[in-house]
């Protein structure tokens, strides 16, 4: 069964399946920016985020000085319980490790050069 699909802008966002932007099918929340910067024991080489609706994706490369750890703040608060959500996997040296949410708005990197991508839901 063929179904017509409407795709329009209606002046404020992308409307999916509707002709007005007052519908819950309107994509009107898109943002890009820098996720976090160098601080304490961490040198951040790249940290970009993209937020579409209530989903945030961060790609980053950072280095934490030997023998240290560093807590980094997320650009948006995580929508779930802290301490039990895996945000993604990073490669530190030749080891792959999961990034576990420390609080609703931070995670901890261990010593070494890390790179990875994190994706998580947010309230805003």
N, C-alpha and C. Protein backbone atom coordinates (compact mmCIF):
# COMPACT_ATOMS: atom_id res chain seq x y z
N UNK A 1 0.83 -1.18 0.00
CA UNK A 1 0.00 0.00 0.00
C UNK A 1 0.88 1.24 0.00
N UNK A 2 0.70 2.09 -0.98
CA UNK A 2 1.47 3.31 -1.07
C UNK A 2 0.82 4.39 -0.21
N UNK A 3 1.69 5.10 0.54
CA UNK A 3 1.19 6.19 1.37
C UNK A 3 1.96 7.45 1.01
N UNK A 4 1.25 8.56 0.82
CA UNK A 4 1.92 9.82 0.51
C UNK A 4 2.66 10.32 1.74
N UNK A 5 3.86 10.87 1.50
CA UNK A 5 4.67 11.43 2.58
C UNK A 5 4.86 12.90 2.29
N UNK A 6 4.54 13.73 3.27
CA UNK A 6 4.70 15.16 3.12
C UNK A 6 5.97 15.59 3.83
N UNK A 7 6.77 16.42 3.18
CA UNK A 7 8.00 16.95 3.76
C UNK A 7 8.02 18.43 3.44
N UNK A 8 7.92 19.28 4.45
CA UNK A 8 7.93 20.72 4.24
C UNK A 8 8.59 21.43 5.40
N UNK A 9 8.77 22.74 5.28
CA UNK A 9 9.43 23.48 6.34
C UNK A 9 8.46 24.30 7.17
N UNK A 10 7.35 24.71 6.65
CA UNK A 10 6.34 25.51 7.35
C UNK A 10 6.94 26.71 8.08
N UNK A 11 8.11 27.14 7.68
CA UNK A 11 8.71 28.35 8.24
C UNK A 11 9.51 28.16 9.51
N UNK A 12 9.29 27.09 10.28
CA UNK A 12 9.97 26.91 11.56
C UNK A 12 10.28 25.44 11.79
N UNK A 13 11.29 24.93 11.15
CA UNK A 13 11.66 23.54 11.34
C UNK A 13 11.21 22.69 10.18
N UNK A 14 11.55 21.43 10.25
CA UNK A 14 11.17 20.48 9.22
C UNK A 14 9.93 19.73 9.70
N UNK A 15 8.88 19.75 8.89
CA UNK A 15 7.63 19.09 9.25
C UNK A 15 7.55 17.74 8.56
N UNK A 16 7.36 16.71 9.33
CA UNK A 16 7.27 15.36 8.79
C UNK A 16 5.82 14.88 8.86
N UNK A 17 5.21 14.69 7.73
CA UNK A 17 3.84 14.19 7.70
C UNK A 17 2.78 15.20 8.08
N UNK A 18 3.11 16.49 8.04
CA UNK A 18 2.15 17.52 8.41
C UNK A 18 2.45 18.80 7.65
N UNK A 19 1.52 19.71 7.63
CA UNK A 19 1.74 20.98 6.94
C UNK A 19 1.88 22.15 7.91
N UNK A 20 1.81 21.90 9.20
CA UNK A 20 1.97 22.97 10.18
C UNK A 20 3.13 22.65 11.11
N UNK A 21 3.67 23.68 11.74
CA UNK A 21 4.79 23.46 12.64
C UNK A 21 4.35 23.42 14.11
N UNK A 22 3.10 23.20 14.38
CA UNK A 22 2.61 23.09 15.75
C UNK A 22 2.45 21.63 16.14
N UNK A 23 2.82 20.75 15.28
CA UNK A 23 2.66 19.32 15.47
C UNK A 23 3.91 18.72 16.12
N UNK A 24 3.76 17.63 16.84
CA UNK A 24 4.90 16.97 17.47
C UNK A 24 5.84 16.33 16.45
N UNK A 25 5.45 16.29 15.19
CA UNK A 25 6.30 15.74 14.14
C UNK A 25 7.23 16.78 13.53
N UNK A 26 7.28 17.98 14.10
CA UNK A 26 8.15 19.03 13.58
C UNK A 26 9.53 18.94 14.21
N UNK A 27 10.54 18.85 13.39
CA UNK A 27 11.92 18.85 13.85
C UNK A 27 12.39 20.30 13.87
N UNK A 28 12.41 20.89 15.06
CA UNK A 28 12.78 22.30 15.17
C UNK A 28 13.87 22.52 16.22
N UNK A 29 14.59 21.47 16.57
CA UNK A 29 15.63 21.58 17.58
C UNK A 29 16.90 20.91 17.08
N UNK A 30 17.81 21.72 16.54
CA UNK A 30 19.10 21.23 16.03
C UNK A 30 20.17 22.19 16.51
N UNK A 31 21.27 21.65 17.03
CA UNK A 31 22.33 22.49 17.55
C UNK A 31 23.68 21.79 17.40
N UNK A 32 24.72 22.56 17.13
CA UNK A 32 26.09 22.06 17.07
C UNK A 32 26.96 22.94 17.94
N UNK A 33 28.03 22.38 18.49
CA UNK A 33 28.93 23.19 19.30
C UNK A 33 30.11 22.40 19.81
N UNK A 34 30.87 23.02 20.71
CA UNK A 34 32.01 22.39 21.36
C UNK A 34 31.53 21.73 22.64
N UNK A 35 31.82 20.45 22.81
CA UNK A 35 31.32 19.68 23.95
C UNK A 35 32.02 20.04 25.25
N UNK A 36 33.34 20.07 25.26
CA UNK A 36 34.10 20.43 26.45
C UNK A 36 35.48 20.89 26.03
N UNK A 37 36.20 21.53 26.95
CA UNK A 37 37.51 22.07 26.64
C UNK A 37 38.55 21.53 27.62
N UNK A 38 39.82 21.82 27.35
CA UNK A 38 40.91 21.36 28.21
C UNK A 38 40.71 21.89 29.63
N UNK A 39 40.97 21.02 30.60
CA UNK A 39 40.82 21.40 32.00
C UNK A 39 41.61 20.44 32.87
N UNK A 40 42.13 20.91 33.96
CA UNK A 40 42.83 20.04 34.91
C UNK A 40 43.88 19.17 34.27
N UNK A 41 43.71 17.86 34.34
CA UNK A 41 44.66 16.89 33.80
C UNK A 41 44.38 16.50 32.36
N UNK A 42 43.39 17.12 31.72
CA UNK A 42 43.01 16.74 30.35
C UNK A 42 43.33 17.83 29.34
N UNK A 43 43.91 17.40 28.23
CA UNK A 43 44.08 18.27 27.07
C UNK A 43 43.10 17.75 26.03
N UNK A 44 42.18 18.60 25.63
CA UNK A 44 41.15 18.22 24.66
C UNK A 44 41.58 18.75 23.29
N UNK A 45 41.70 17.85 22.32
CA UNK A 45 42.13 18.22 20.98
C UNK A 45 40.93 18.48 20.07
N UNK A 46 39.85 17.80 20.31
CA UNK A 46 38.63 17.96 19.49
C UNK A 46 37.46 17.45 20.32
N UNK A 47 36.37 18.21 20.34
CA UNK A 47 35.17 17.77 21.07
C UNK A 47 33.95 18.47 20.52
N UNK A 48 33.37 17.92 19.50
CA UNK A 48 32.20 18.52 18.86
C UNK A 48 30.94 17.74 19.24
N UNK A 49 29.84 18.46 19.41
CA UNK A 49 28.57 17.79 19.66
C UNK A 49 27.54 18.22 18.63
N UNK A 50 26.59 17.34 18.40
CA UNK A 50 25.41 17.64 17.60
C UNK A 50 24.21 17.20 18.41
N UNK A 51 23.24 18.07 18.57
CA UNK A 51 22.02 17.76 19.30
C UNK A 51 20.86 17.88 18.33
N UNK A 52 20.12 16.79 18.16
CA UNK A 52 18.93 16.78 17.32
C UNK A 52 17.79 16.33 18.22
N UNK A 53 16.84 17.22 18.44
CA UNK A 53 15.76 16.90 19.37
C UNK A 53 16.34 16.65 20.75
N UNK A 54 16.07 15.47 21.31
CA UNK A 54 16.56 15.14 22.64
C UNK A 54 17.70 14.12 22.61
N UNK A 55 18.41 14.03 21.48
CA UNK A 55 19.53 13.10 21.35
C UNK A 55 20.82 13.88 21.07
N UNK A 56 21.84 13.63 21.89
CA UNK A 56 23.13 14.31 21.77
C UNK A 56 24.19 13.30 21.34
N UNK A 57 25.02 13.67 20.37
CA UNK A 57 26.16 12.86 19.96
C UNK A 57 27.41 13.71 20.06
N UNK A 58 28.44 13.17 20.73
CA UNK A 58 29.71 13.87 20.92
C UNK A 58 30.81 13.02 20.31
N UNK A 59 31.69 13.64 19.53
CA UNK A 59 32.91 12.96 19.09
C UNK A 59 34.07 13.75 19.69
N UNK A 60 35.07 13.04 20.20
CA UNK A 60 36.16 13.74 20.88
C UNK A 60 37.48 12.99 20.79
N UNK A 61 38.56 13.75 21.00
CA UNK A 61 39.90 13.24 21.17
C UNK A 61 40.51 14.03 22.31
N UNK A 62 41.02 13.33 23.33
CA UNK A 62 41.57 14.00 24.51
C UNK A 62 42.68 13.16 25.12
N UNK A 63 43.53 13.82 25.87
CA UNK A 63 44.63 13.15 26.54
C UNK A 63 44.64 13.53 28.01
N UNK A 64 44.76 12.53 28.88
CA UNK A 64 44.85 12.76 30.33
C UNK A 64 46.27 12.38 30.76
N UNK A 65 46.90 13.25 31.55
CA UNK A 65 48.28 13.03 31.96
C UNK A 65 48.43 11.73 32.74
N UNK A 66 49.60 11.12 32.59
CA UNK A 66 49.92 9.82 33.20
C UNK A 66 49.64 9.81 34.70
N UNK A 67 49.00 8.73 35.16
CA UNK A 67 48.71 8.55 36.58
C UNK A 67 47.51 9.33 37.09
N UNK A 68 46.78 9.98 36.21
CA UNK A 68 45.64 10.80 36.61
C UNK A 68 44.35 10.36 35.94
N UNK A 69 43.26 10.90 36.41
CA UNK A 69 41.96 10.80 35.76
C UNK A 69 41.42 12.22 35.63
N UNK A 70 40.40 12.39 34.82
CA UNK A 70 39.79 13.71 34.67
C UNK A 70 38.29 13.57 34.44
N UNK A 71 37.51 14.29 35.24
CA UNK A 71 36.06 14.35 35.07
C UNK A 71 35.75 15.43 34.04
N UNK A 72 34.97 15.09 33.02
CA UNK A 72 34.55 16.05 32.00
C UNK A 72 33.04 16.22 32.06
N UNK A 73 32.60 17.44 31.90
CA UNK A 73 31.17 17.74 31.95
C UNK A 73 30.53 17.62 30.58
N UNK A 74 29.36 17.01 30.53
CA UNK A 74 28.60 16.89 29.29
C UNK A 74 27.95 18.23 28.97
N UNK A 75 27.73 18.54 27.70
CA UNK A 75 27.09 19.81 27.35
C UNK A 75 25.60 19.86 27.69
N UNK A 76 24.96 18.68 27.86
CA UNK A 76 23.55 18.60 28.24
C UNK A 76 23.40 17.50 29.28
N UNK A 77 22.50 17.66 30.22
CA UNK A 77 22.28 16.67 31.27
C UNK A 77 21.66 15.41 30.68
N UNK A 78 22.16 14.26 31.10
CA UNK A 78 21.65 12.96 30.66
C UNK A 78 20.25 12.75 31.24
N UNK A 79 19.36 12.16 30.46
CA UNK A 79 17.97 11.97 30.87
C UNK A 79 17.75 10.74 31.74
N UNK A 80 18.78 9.94 31.98
CA UNK A 80 18.61 8.71 32.76
C UNK A 80 19.25 8.78 34.14
N UNK A 81 19.27 7.65 34.81
CA UNK A 81 19.92 7.55 36.11
C UNK A 81 21.43 7.56 35.93
N UNK A 82 22.13 8.23 36.86
CA UNK A 82 23.58 8.26 36.72
C UNK A 82 24.19 6.98 37.28
N UNK A 83 25.43 6.71 36.88
CA UNK A 83 26.17 5.58 37.38
C UNK A 83 25.91 4.25 36.70
N UNK A 84 24.86 4.17 35.90
CA UNK A 84 24.57 2.88 35.28
C UNK A 84 24.29 2.96 33.78
N UNK A 85 24.65 4.04 33.16
CA UNK A 85 24.45 4.18 31.72
C UNK A 85 25.79 4.25 31.01
N UNK A 86 25.95 3.43 29.99
CA UNK A 86 27.15 3.49 29.16
C UNK A 86 26.86 4.46 28.03
N UNK A 87 27.68 5.51 27.93
CA UNK A 87 27.50 6.54 26.91
C UNK A 87 28.13 6.15 25.58
N UNK A 88 29.16 5.34 25.64
CA UNK A 88 29.86 4.95 24.43
C UNK A 88 31.13 4.21 24.77
N UNK A 89 31.95 3.98 23.77
CA UNK A 89 33.21 3.28 23.96
C UNK A 89 34.32 4.17 23.42
N UNK A 90 35.41 4.24 24.16
CA UNK A 90 36.57 5.00 23.70
C UNK A 90 37.77 4.07 23.58
N UNK A 91 38.69 4.48 22.75
CA UNK A 91 39.94 3.74 22.62
C UNK A 91 41.01 4.57 23.31
N UNK A 92 41.62 3.98 24.33
CA UNK A 92 42.72 4.62 25.04
C UNK A 92 43.94 3.75 24.83
N UNK A 93 44.92 4.27 24.10
CA UNK A 93 46.06 3.44 23.71
C UNK A 93 45.57 2.34 22.79
N UNK A 94 45.80 1.07 23.18
CA UNK A 94 45.29 -0.05 22.38
C UNK A 94 44.12 -0.74 23.06
N UNK A 95 43.57 -0.11 24.09
CA UNK A 95 42.48 -0.70 24.87
C UNK A 95 41.17 0.02 24.60
N UNK A 96 40.11 -0.75 24.42
CA UNK A 96 38.78 -0.19 24.29
C UNK A 96 38.09 -0.25 25.65
N UNK A 97 37.51 0.87 26.07
CA UNK A 97 36.83 0.94 27.37
C UNK A 97 35.49 1.64 27.20
N UNK A 98 34.53 1.23 28.02
CA UNK A 98 33.25 1.91 27.99
C UNK A 98 33.34 3.20 28.82
N UNK A 99 32.56 4.19 28.42
CA UNK A 99 32.43 5.42 29.18
C UNK A 99 31.12 5.33 29.94
N UNK A 100 31.22 5.30 31.26
CA UNK A 100 30.05 5.17 32.12
C UNK A 100 29.75 6.53 32.74
N UNK A 101 28.49 6.89 32.74
CA UNK A 101 28.05 8.16 33.30
C UNK A 101 28.42 8.23 34.78
N UNK A 102 29.18 9.26 35.19
CA UNK A 102 29.56 9.44 36.59
C UNK A 102 28.42 10.09 37.37
N UNK A 103 27.86 11.13 36.81
CA UNK A 103 26.69 11.82 37.36
C UNK A 103 25.77 12.08 36.18
N UNK A 104 24.70 12.80 36.39
CA UNK A 104 23.79 13.08 35.27
C UNK A 104 24.41 14.04 34.26
N UNK A 105 25.58 14.61 34.59
CA UNK A 105 26.18 15.57 33.67
C UNK A 105 27.70 15.44 33.51
N UNK A 106 28.29 14.27 33.88
CA UNK A 106 29.73 14.13 33.73
C UNK A 106 30.16 12.67 33.56
N UNK A 107 31.40 12.51 33.06
CA UNK A 107 32.01 11.19 32.94
C UNK A 107 33.50 11.35 33.22
N UNK A 108 34.19 10.25 33.48
CA UNK A 108 35.60 10.29 33.84
C UNK A 108 36.45 9.58 32.79
N UNK A 109 37.53 10.25 32.37
CA UNK A 109 38.52 9.64 31.49
C UNK A 109 39.72 9.24 32.31
N UNK A 110 40.36 8.13 31.95
CA UNK A 110 41.57 7.68 32.62
C UNK A 110 42.79 8.16 31.82
N UNK A 111 43.98 7.94 32.39
CA UNK A 111 45.23 8.41 31.79
C UNK A 111 45.43 7.84 30.40
N UNK A 112 46.01 8.66 29.52
CA UNK A 112 46.31 8.26 28.17
C UNK A 112 45.54 9.08 27.15
N UNK A 113 45.77 8.79 25.89
CA UNK A 113 45.07 9.46 24.79
C UNK A 113 43.81 8.68 24.47
N UNK A 114 42.68 9.34 24.50
CA UNK A 114 41.38 8.70 24.25
C UNK A 114 40.69 9.36 23.07
N UNK A 115 39.96 8.55 22.31
CA UNK A 115 39.12 9.08 21.25
C UNK A 115 37.87 8.22 21.18
N UNK A 116 36.75 8.86 20.89
CA UNK A 116 35.52 8.10 20.84
C UNK A 116 34.32 8.94 20.48
N UNK A 117 33.17 8.30 20.50
CA UNK A 117 31.89 8.93 20.23
C UNK A 117 30.91 8.52 21.31
N UNK A 118 30.21 9.49 21.86
CA UNK A 118 29.22 9.25 22.91
C UNK A 118 27.86 9.68 22.39
N UNK A 119 26.84 8.93 22.67
CA UNK A 119 25.47 9.28 22.30
C UNK A 119 24.57 9.03 23.48
N UNK A 120 23.71 10.01 23.81
CA UNK A 120 22.85 9.87 24.97
C UNK A 120 21.59 10.75 24.84
N UNK A 121 20.52 10.38 25.57
CA UNK A 121 19.31 11.20 25.57
C UNK A 121 19.40 12.31 26.60
N UNK A 122 18.73 13.41 26.34
CA UNK A 122 18.68 14.52 27.27
C UNK A 122 17.24 14.97 27.45
N UNK A 123 16.98 15.77 28.47
CA UNK A 123 15.63 16.27 28.73
C UNK A 123 15.27 17.43 27.83
N UNK A 124 16.27 18.21 27.40
CA UNK A 124 15.98 19.45 26.66
C UNK A 124 16.12 19.28 25.17
